[in-house]
Amino acid sequence: MEVDEVGDSRLAKTQTQRLTGAQILLQSLLREGVEVVFGYPGGAVLPIYDELYRMPAIKHFLTRHEQGAVHA
């Protein structure tokens, strides 16, 4: 986030950090104390699985069927 100076010398420009939606989602889960997720990879959620691979703090359990995952 950039902060523009508006006559106050205490305000300084800060660097921005770009995050993907998958990174934001997984960081939010970590902040909430989530340790385990259940899922079935494919299609639109593949970027989440790419990031999940980089976050060993969250354990993933592969389900055999999407509808069966709700009972895990």
N, C-alpha and C. Protein backbone atom coordinates (compact mmCIF):
# COMPACT_ATOMS: atom_id res chain seq x y z
N MET A 1 0.84 -1.16 0.00
CA MET A 1 0.00 0.00 0.00
C MET A 1 0.89 1.23 0.00
N GLU A 2 0.61 2.15 -0.86
CA GLU A 2 1.37 3.39 -0.89
C GLU A 2 0.63 4.47 -0.13
N VAL A 3 1.38 5.24 0.62
CA VAL A 3 0.82 6.37 1.36
C VAL A 3 1.39 7.63 0.75
N ASP A 4 0.53 8.52 0.31
CA ASP A 4 0.98 9.78 -0.26
C ASP A 4 1.16 10.81 0.84
N GLU A 5 2.19 11.61 0.66
CA GLU A 5 2.41 12.69 1.63
C GLU A 5 1.38 13.78 1.40
N VAL A 6 0.76 14.21 2.47
CA VAL A 6 -0.25 15.27 2.36
C VAL A 6 0.05 16.36 3.37
N GLY A 7 1.29 16.87 3.31
CA GLY A 7 1.66 17.97 4.19
C GLY A 7 2.10 17.53 5.57
N ASP A 8 2.08 16.25 5.85
CA ASP A 8 2.50 15.76 7.16
C ASP A 8 3.78 14.97 6.96
N SER A 9 4.87 15.45 7.52
CA SER A 9 6.17 14.80 7.31
C SER A 9 6.25 13.43 7.97
N ARG A 10 5.31 13.12 8.84
CA ARG A 10 5.33 11.80 9.50
C ARG A 10 4.88 10.69 8.57
N LEU A 11 4.15 11.04 7.51
CA LEU A 11 3.71 10.03 6.55
C LEU A 11 4.84 9.74 5.58
N ALA A 12 5.09 8.49 5.34
CA ALA A 12 6.15 8.11 4.41
C ALA A 12 5.61 7.06 3.46
N LYS A 13 6.19 7.03 2.28
CA LYS A 13 5.78 6.01 1.32
C LYS A 13 6.32 4.66 1.76
N THR A 14 5.49 3.66 1.65
CA THR A 14 5.90 2.31 1.99
C THR A 14 5.86 1.45 0.75
N GLN A 15 6.59 0.37 0.78
CA GLN A 15 6.61 -0.53 -0.36
C GLN A 15 5.35 -1.38 -0.36
N THR A 16 4.92 -1.73 -1.55
CA THR A 16 3.75 -2.59 -1.67
C THR A 16 4.20 -4.03 -1.81
N GLN A 17 3.38 -4.91 -1.30
CA GLN A 17 3.64 -6.34 -1.44
C GLN A 17 2.44 -6.93 -2.17
N ARG A 18 2.68 -7.50 -3.32
CA ARG A 18 1.60 -8.09 -4.09
C ARG A 18 1.42 -9.54 -3.68
N LEU A 19 0.19 -9.90 -3.35
CA LEU A 19 -0.14 -11.26 -2.98
C LEU A 19 -1.21 -11.79 -3.93
N THR A 20 -1.14 -13.08 -4.19
CA THR A 20 -2.19 -13.70 -4.99
C THR A 20 -3.37 -14.02 -4.08
N GLY A 21 -4.50 -14.32 -4.67
CA GLY A 21 -5.66 -14.71 -3.89
C GLY A 21 -5.38 -15.96 -3.06
N ALA A 22 -4.64 -16.90 -3.63
CA ALA A 22 -4.30 -18.13 -2.91
C ALA A 22 -3.44 -17.82 -1.69
N GLN A 23 -2.48 -16.92 -1.84
CA GLN A 23 -1.63 -16.55 -0.70
C GLN A 23 -2.44 -15.87 0.39
N ILE A 24 -3.34 -14.99 0.00
CA ILE A 24 -4.19 -14.30 0.97
C ILE A 24 -5.06 -15.31 1.72
N LEU A 25 -5.66 -16.24 0.99
CA LEU A 25 -6.51 -17.26 1.61
C LEU A 25 -5.74 -18.08 2.63
N LEU A 26 -4.58 -18.60 2.23
CA LEU A 26 -3.83 -19.47 3.13
C LEU A 26 -3.24 -18.71 4.31
N GLN A 27 -2.82 -17.48 4.11
CA GLN A 27 -2.34 -16.69 5.25
C GLN A 27 -3.47 -16.40 6.23
N SER A 28 -4.67 -16.19 5.70
CA SER A 28 -5.83 -15.97 6.57
C SER A 28 -6.14 -17.22 7.37
N LEU A 29 -6.06 -18.38 6.73
CA LEU A 29 -6.30 -19.64 7.45
C LEU A 29 -5.27 -19.84 8.55
N LEU A 30 -4.01 -19.54 8.26
CA LEU A 30 -2.97 -19.66 9.28
C LEU A 30 -3.23 -18.73 10.46
N ARG A 31 -3.62 -17.51 10.18
CA ARG A 31 -3.91 -16.54 11.25
C ARG A 31 -5.07 -16.99 12.13
N GLU A 32 -5.98 -17.75 11.56
CA GLU A 32 -7.13 -18.25 12.33
C GLU A 32 -6.82 -19.57 13.03
N GLY A 33 -5.59 -20.06 12.86
CA GLY A 33 -5.18 -21.27 13.56
C GLY A 33 -5.54 -22.58 12.87
N VAL A 34 -5.88 -22.50 11.60
CA VAL A 34 -6.23 -23.71 10.85
C VAL A 34 -4.97 -24.54 10.64
N GLU A 35 -5.06 -25.83 10.96
CA GLU A 35 -3.92 -26.73 10.80
C GLU A 35 -4.17 -27.80 9.75
N VAL A 36 -5.45 -28.07 9.44
CA VAL A 36 -5.82 -29.15 8.53
C VAL A 36 -6.90 -28.66 7.58
N VAL A 37 -6.74 -29.01 6.30
CA VAL A 37 -7.79 -28.75 5.31
C VAL A 37 -8.06 -30.04 4.54
N PHE A 38 -9.28 -30.17 4.06
CA PHE A 38 -9.68 -31.32 3.26
C PHE A 38 -10.06 -30.81 1.89
N GLY A 39 -9.68 -31.53 0.85
CA GLY A 39 -10.03 -31.03 -0.46
C GLY A 39 -9.81 -32.02 -1.58
N TYR A 40 -10.24 -31.59 -2.74
CA TYR A 40 -10.16 -32.36 -3.97
C TYR A 40 -9.64 -31.41 -5.04
N PRO A 41 -8.36 -31.53 -5.41
CA PRO A 41 -7.77 -30.55 -6.33
C PRO A 41 -8.32 -30.64 -7.75
N GLY A 42 -8.32 -29.49 -8.39
CA GLY A 42 -8.71 -29.44 -9.79
C GLY A 42 -9.21 -28.06 -10.17
N GLY A 43 -9.09 -27.76 -11.44
CA GLY A 43 -9.65 -26.54 -11.99
C GLY A 43 -9.21 -25.26 -11.31
N ALA A 44 -10.19 -24.52 -10.84
CA ALA A 44 -9.96 -23.17 -10.32
C ALA A 44 -9.17 -23.14 -9.01
N VAL A 45 -9.09 -24.24 -8.29
CA VAL A 45 -8.40 -24.23 -6.99
C VAL A 45 -6.93 -24.66 -7.08
N LEU A 46 -6.44 -24.93 -8.26
CA LEU A 46 -5.05 -25.36 -8.40
C LEU A 46 -4.04 -24.34 -7.87
N PRO A 47 -4.24 -23.04 -8.05
CA PRO A 47 -3.30 -22.09 -7.45
C PRO A 47 -3.25 -22.20 -5.91
N ILE A 48 -4.36 -22.56 -5.30
CA ILE A 48 -4.38 -22.76 -3.85
C ILE A 48 -3.50 -23.94 -3.48
N TYR A 49 -3.58 -25.00 -4.26
CA TYR A 49 -2.75 -26.18 -3.99
C TYR A 49 -1.27 -25.89 -4.22
N ASP A 50 -0.96 -25.04 -5.18
CA ASP A 50 0.44 -24.64 -5.40
C ASP A 50 0.99 -23.94 -4.16
N GLU A 51 0.20 -23.05 -3.58
CA GLU A 51 0.64 -22.33 -2.37
C GLU A 51 0.62 -23.24 -1.15
N LEU A 52 -0.33 -24.14 -1.10
CA LEU A 52 -0.44 -25.07 0.03
C LEU A 52 0.82 -25.93 0.13
N TYR A 53 1.38 -26.26 -1.01
CA TYR A 53 2.62 -27.04 -1.05
C TYR A 53 3.77 -26.29 -0.36
N ARG A 54 3.73 -24.97 -0.41
CA ARG A 54 4.79 -24.13 0.17
C ARG A 54 4.53 -23.80 1.64
N MET A 55 3.41 -24.27 2.19
CA MET A 55 3.06 -23.98 3.59
C MET A 55 2.92 -25.28 4.37
N PRO A 56 4.02 -25.78 4.91
CA PRO A 56 3.95 -27.06 5.64
C PRO A 56 3.15 -26.98 6.94
N ALA A 57 2.81 -25.78 7.39
CA ALA A 57 2.05 -25.64 8.64
C ALA A 57 0.60 -26.09 8.47
N ILE A 58 0.11 -26.14 7.24
CA ILE A 58 -1.25 -26.59 6.98
C ILE A 58 -1.18 -27.96 6.31
N LYS A 59 -1.80 -28.94 6.96
CA LYS A 59 -1.79 -30.30 6.41
C LYS A 59 -3.04 -30.50 5.56
N HIS A 60 -2.86 -31.13 4.41
CA HIS A 60 -3.96 -31.36 3.48
C HIS A 60 -4.31 -32.83 3.44
N PHE A 61 -5.61 -33.12 3.49
CA PHE A 61 -6.10 -34.48 3.32
C PHE A 61 -6.89 -34.54 2.02
N LEU A 62 -6.46 -35.42 1.14
CA LEU A 62 -7.13 -35.60 -0.14
C LEU A 62 -8.38 -36.43 0.06
N THR A 63 -9.50 -35.93 -0.42
CA THR A 63 -10.75 -36.69 -0.34
C THR A 63 -11.00 -37.36 -1.68
N ARG A 64 -11.81 -38.40 -1.66
CA ARG A 64 -12.09 -39.14 -2.90
C ARG A 64 -13.22 -38.52 -3.70
N HIS A 65 -14.06 -37.76 -3.01
CA HIS A 65 -15.21 -37.17 -3.69
C HIS A 65 -15.55 -35.85 -3.02
N GLU A 66 -15.91 -34.86 -3.81
CA GLU A 66 -16.21 -33.53 -3.28
C GLU A 66 -17.30 -33.56 -2.21
N GLN A 67 -18.35 -34.29 -2.46
CA GLN A 67 -19.46 -34.33 -1.52
C GLN A 67 -19.10 -35.09 -0.25
N GLY A 68 -18.20 -36.05 -0.38
CA GLY A 68 -17.76 -36.79 0.80
C GLY A 68 -16.86 -35.97 1.70
N ALA A 69 -16.24 -34.93 1.17
CA ALA A 69 -15.32 -34.11 1.95
C ALA A 69 -16.02 -33.38 3.08
N VAL A 70 -17.30 -33.09 2.93
CA VAL A 70 -18.02 -32.36 3.98
C VAL A 70 -18.20 -33.21 5.23
N HIS A 71 -18.03 -34.52 5.11
CA HIS A 71 -18.20 -35.41 6.26
C HIS A 71 -16.88 -35.72 6.94
N ALA A 72 -15.79 -35.18 6.43
CA ALA A 72 -14.47 -35.47 7.00
C ALA A 72 -14.29 -34.78 8.34
